[in-house]
């Protein structure tokens, strides 16, 4: 049933239908997480964490599982944001003439991440 709905432009339009599907059927926590991952990856949810949180609020049966998943998405977003900030700082330090090893020490970026900075440079 979910693959038919995945083609919708905005997954939030299907929020109530998804809650109904979860309410009327018995799923394991792993099955619920698999479904939500599929919807996030294949659908068009502009804010996956908010999407999962809204489903959790309306789905008592799976609220705990979905809130755990939303927290994981939130943490992943924070970490990605921090990584992007460190990458930006590293690029600025390198452009100002600071040595590569010093930049690695200050930012904590890996050698692979430093190479990405050099690949992105014009």
Protein backbone atom coordinates (compact mmCIF):
# COMPACT_ATOMS: atom_id res chain seq x y z
CA UNK A 1 0.00 0.00 0.00
CA UNK A 2 2.80 2.48 0.80
CA UNK A 3 4.52 2.25 -2.62
CA UNK A 4 1.32 3.53 -4.25
CA UNK A 5 1.38 6.66 -2.08
CA UNK A 6 5.08 7.42 -2.33
CA UNK A 7 4.63 9.22 -5.63
CA UNK A 8 2.79 12.12 -3.96
CA UNK A 9 4.60 15.44 -4.15
CA UNK A 10 4.50 16.14 -0.44
CA UNK A 11 4.47 13.30 2.08
CA UNK A 12 2.86 15.54 4.71
CA UNK A 13 -0.35 15.34 2.67
CA UNK A 14 -0.44 11.65 3.57
CA UNK A 15 0.10 12.15 7.28
CA UNK A 16 -3.40 11.11 8.36
CA UNK A 17 -3.44 8.12 6.01
CA UNK A 18 -0.12 6.93 7.42
CA UNK A 19 -1.41 7.30 10.98
CA UNK A 20 -4.52 5.28 10.00
CA UNK A 21 -2.37 2.54 8.47
CA UNK A 22 -0.33 2.35 11.67
CA UNK A 23 -3.44 2.41 13.87
CA UNK A 24 -5.34 -0.37 12.13
CA UNK A 25 -2.48 -2.82 11.65
CA UNK A 26 -0.04 -4.58 13.95
CA UNK A 27 3.61 -3.92 13.12
CA UNK A 28 6.82 -4.54 14.98
CA UNK A 29 8.95 -1.54 15.87
CA UNK A 30 11.44 -2.62 13.18
CA UNK A 31 8.69 -2.73 10.56
CA UNK A 32 7.53 0.76 11.53
CA UNK A 33 11.08 2.11 11.34
CA UNK A 34 11.59 0.43 7.96
CA UNK A 35 8.38 1.99 6.63
CA UNK A 36 9.33 5.44 7.89
CA UNK A 37 12.83 5.16 6.44
CA UNK A 38 11.32 4.17 3.11
CA UNK A 39 8.91 7.11 3.18
CA UNK A 40 11.70 9.55 4.04
CA UNK A 41 14.11 8.23 1.42
CA UNK A 42 11.68 7.67 -1.43
CA UNK A 43 9.01 10.25 -0.70
CA UNK A 44 9.19 13.99 -0.63
CA UNK A 45 9.24 15.05 3.01
CA UNK A 46 10.67 18.56 3.25
CA UNK A 47 11.55 18.09 6.93
CA UNK A 48 11.88 14.37 7.80
CA UNK A 49 12.26 14.95 11.54
CA UNK A 50 9.10 17.06 11.70
CA UNK A 51 7.25 14.55 9.50
CA UNK A 52 8.10 11.64 11.84
CA UNK A 53 7.35 13.75 14.94
CA UNK A 54 3.87 14.61 13.64
CA UNK A 55 3.12 10.95 12.94
CA UNK A 56 4.37 10.07 16.44
CA UNK A 57 2.08 12.63 18.05
CA UNK A 58 -0.94 11.10 16.32
CA UNK A 59 0.06 7.46 16.68
CA UNK A 60 -0.13 6.36 20.31
CA UNK A 61 0.73 2.78 19.49
CA UNK A 62 4.13 3.62 17.96
CA UNK A 63 4.80 6.99 19.58
CA UNK A 64 7.90 5.83 21.46
CA UNK A 65 9.50 4.20 18.44
CA UNK A 66 8.76 7.15 16.19
CA UNK A 67 9.98 9.73 18.71
CA UNK A 68 13.24 7.78 19.06
CA UNK A 69 13.57 7.87 15.29
CA UNK A 70 12.83 11.61 15.19
CA UNK A 71 15.49 12.21 17.85
CA UNK A 72 18.02 10.25 15.78
CA UNK A 73 17.16 12.34 12.70
CA UNK A 74 17.51 15.52 14.75
CA UNK A 75 20.92 14.47 16.07
CA UNK A 76 22.04 13.52 12.57
CA UNK A 77 21.01 16.96 11.35
CA UNK A 78 22.90 18.68 14.16
CA UNK A 79 26.02 16.65 13.45
CA UNK A 80 25.80 17.38 9.73
CA UNK A 81 25.40 21.09 10.48
CA UNK A 82 28.42 21.05 12.76
CA UNK A 83 30.47 19.22 10.13
CA UNK A 84 29.51 21.81 7.51
CA UNK A 85 30.52 24.61 9.89
CA UNK A 86 33.92 23.01 10.50
CA UNK A 87 34.40 22.55 6.75
CA UNK A 88 33.65 26.24 6.18
CA UNK A 89 36.05 27.32 8.92
CA UNK A 90 38.74 25.00 7.58
CA UNK A 91 38.38 26.43 4.07
CA UNK A 92 38.67 29.98 5.43
CA UNK A 93 41.75 29.10 7.48
CA UNK A 94 43.40 27.43 4.50
CA UNK A 95 42.59 30.41 2.27
CA UNK A 96 44.14 32.73 4.84
CA UNK A 97 47.39 30.79 4.55
CA UNK A 98 47.27 28.57 7.62
CA UNK A 99 49.01 25.22 7.22
CA UNK A 100 46.99 22.13 6.47
CA UNK A 101 48.14 20.25 9.59
CA UNK A 102 47.21 23.17 11.85
CA UNK A 103 43.77 23.40 10.25
CA UNK A 104 43.24 19.66 10.83
CA UNK A 105 44.22 20.06 14.48
CA UNK A 106 41.95 23.04 15.07
CA UNK A 107 38.87 21.69 13.27
CA UNK A 108 39.25 17.98 13.98
CA UNK A 109 38.58 17.16 10.32
CA UNK A 110 39.94 13.93 8.90
CA UNK A 111 42.43 13.74 6.06
CA UNK A 112 39.61 12.59 3.76
CA UNK A 113 37.53 15.64 4.69
CA UNK A 114 40.52 17.88 4.05
CA UNK A 115 40.92 16.32 0.60
CA UNK A 116 37.28 17.14 -0.11
CA UNK A 117 38.04 20.78 0.64
CA UNK A 118 40.84 20.73 -1.90
CA UNK A 119 38.65 18.99 -4.51
CA UNK A 120 36.01 21.68 -4.10
CA UNK A 121 38.56 24.46 -4.58
CA UNK A 122 38.62 26.13 -7.99
